[in-house]
Protein backbone atom coordinates (compact mmCIF):
# COMPACT_ATOMS: atom_id res chain seq x y z
CA GLN A 1 -26.61 -7.03 51.15
CA ALA A 2 -29.53 -9.41 52.72
CA ALA A 3 -31.61 -7.01 52.29
CA ALA A 4 -31.10 -6.52 49.13
CA THR A 5 -30.96 -10.02 47.93
CA ILE A 6 -34.55 -11.23 49.66
CA GLY A 7 -35.65 -7.38 48.65
CA GLY A 8 -37.18 -6.72 51.58
CA ILE A 9 -36.05 -4.99 55.44
CA VAL A 10 -34.33 -6.87 57.79
CA VAL A 11 -34.00 -5.50 60.84
CA VAL A 12 -31.35 -7.52 63.72
CA LYS A 13 -31.97 -6.04 66.56
CA SER A 14 -29.31 -5.47 69.86
CA HIS A 15 -28.81 -2.87 71.74
CA ARG A 16 -28.37 -0.41 68.95
CA THR A 17 -30.41 -2.41 66.44
CA GLN A 18 -29.75 -1.65 62.68
CA ILE A 19 -32.27 -1.71 59.59
CA TYR A 20 -31.32 -2.56 56.03
CA THR A 21 -33.32 -1.70 53.29
CA PRO A 22 -32.46 -2.79 49.49
CA THR A 23 -31.29 0.16 49.12
CA ASN A 24 -30.41 2.07 52.86
CA ALA A 25 -28.96 1.26 56.33
CA TYR A 26 -30.21 2.99 59.53
CA GLU A 27 -28.59 2.47 63.16
CA ASN A 28 -31.37 2.70 66.18
CA PRO A 29 -30.21 5.61 69.01
CA LEU A 30 -31.92 4.27 71.78
CA GLY A 31 -31.73 1.47 73.58
CA THR A 32 -30.85 0.04 77.12
CA PRO A 33 -30.24 -3.03 79.26
CA ALA A 34 -34.11 -2.23 81.01
CA GLN A 35 -34.75 -3.85 77.60
CA ALA A 36 -32.90 -7.45 77.61
CA THR A 37 -35.74 -9.53 79.12
CA GLY A 38 -38.20 -12.15 77.40
CA GLY A 39 -40.84 -11.62 74.71
CA MET A 40 -38.83 -7.74 74.17
CA GLY A 41 -37.83 -8.95 70.06
CA ASP A 42 -41.56 -10.96 69.76
CA THR A 43 -42.74 -7.13 70.86
CA LEU A 44 -40.76 -5.20 69.00
CA ALA A 45 -41.99 -8.25 65.60
CA GLY A 46 -45.51 -7.25 66.52
CA MET A 47 -44.75 -3.14 66.35
CA ILE A 48 -43.63 -4.03 63.32
CA GLY A 49 -45.76 -5.60 61.78
CA GLY A 50 -49.28 -2.93 63.77
CA PHE A 51 -46.72 0.14 61.73
CA VAL A 52 -46.00 -1.45 58.44
CA ALA A 53 -50.40 -2.42 58.53
CA GLN A 54 -51.04 1.15 58.94
CA PHE A 55 -48.37 3.06 56.95
CA ALA A 56 -47.59 3.63 52.82
CA ASP A 57 -43.87 3.40 53.43
CA SER A 58 -43.00 0.22 54.78
CA SER A 59 -38.87 1.83 55.56
CA ALA A 60 -39.91 4.51 56.98
CA ALA A 61 -43.25 2.32 59.17
CA VAL A 62 -40.29 -0.52 60.70
CA CYS A 63 -37.43 2.56 61.35
CA ALA A 64 -40.68 4.15 63.27
CA ALA A 65 -41.53 1.40 64.91
CA VAL A 66 -37.89 -0.13 66.54
CA TYR A 67 -37.03 3.77 67.38
CA SER A 68 -40.60 4.36 69.60
CA HIS A 69 -40.28 0.73 70.69
CA SER A 70 -36.35 1.95 72.21
CA ALA A 71 -37.54 5.07 73.25
CA ILE A 72 -40.79 3.97 75.18
CA ALA A 73 -37.98 0.94 76.81
CA GLU A 74 -35.69 4.06 77.61
CA LEU A 75 -38.40 6.67 78.99
CA LEU A 76 -39.84 3.05 81.52
CA ALA A 77 -36.09 2.37 82.13
CA GLN A 78 -35.81 6.45 83.80
CA GLN A 79 -38.30 4.54 86.83
CA GLN A 80 -37.34 1.26 86.99
CA TYR A 81 -34.70 -1.31 86.66
CA VAL A 82 -36.22 -3.61 83.79
CA VAL A 83 -38.88 -2.99 81.26
CA LEU A 84 -41.52 -5.73 80.48
CA PRO A 85 -42.84 -5.61 76.83
CA SER A 86 -46.50 -5.08 78.06
CA GLN A 87 -45.67 -1.81 79.86
CA ILE A 88 -43.99 -0.89 75.88
CA ILE A 89 -47.69 -2.39 74.36
CA THR A 90 -49.37 -0.66 78.01
CA GLU A 91 -47.40 2.60 77.04
CA LEU A 92 -47.85 3.27 72.92
CA PRO A 93 -51.49 4.30 71.88
CA HIS A 94 -49.94 7.17 74.30
CA PHE A 95 -46.65 7.80 73.34
CA MET A 96 -47.65 7.62 69.63
CA LYS A 97 -50.73 10.53 70.74
CA VAL A 98 -47.83 13.01 71.64
CA HIS A 99 -45.34 12.24 68.63
CA GLU A 100 -48.29 12.35 65.78
CA HIS A 101 -47.09 15.73 64.31
CA LYS A 102 -43.74 15.37 65.65
CA ASP A 103 -40.85 14.36 63.71
CA VAL A 104 -39.08 11.71 66.77
């Protein structure tokens, strides 16, 4: 309801981050407890801003940023207990290159 009221997109970060647009609601299927570190939300906010600036469809850009953030964290969590925000940013260019022509 908040997204419709403000005419924007609302992201509710949790273990299953939810995205609300004025007309739809989405739940990210990915996420890991390894993401429970300081700065992870700041990293997600930066990714959302970057994706929205690059792509015309803001709703799709936000969904892609949230999904990418969690997908990268899940990949990193296969090798380590805690994922740092800086590690997600380091992996982002490679992740985007691998998935640039795929429906993720």
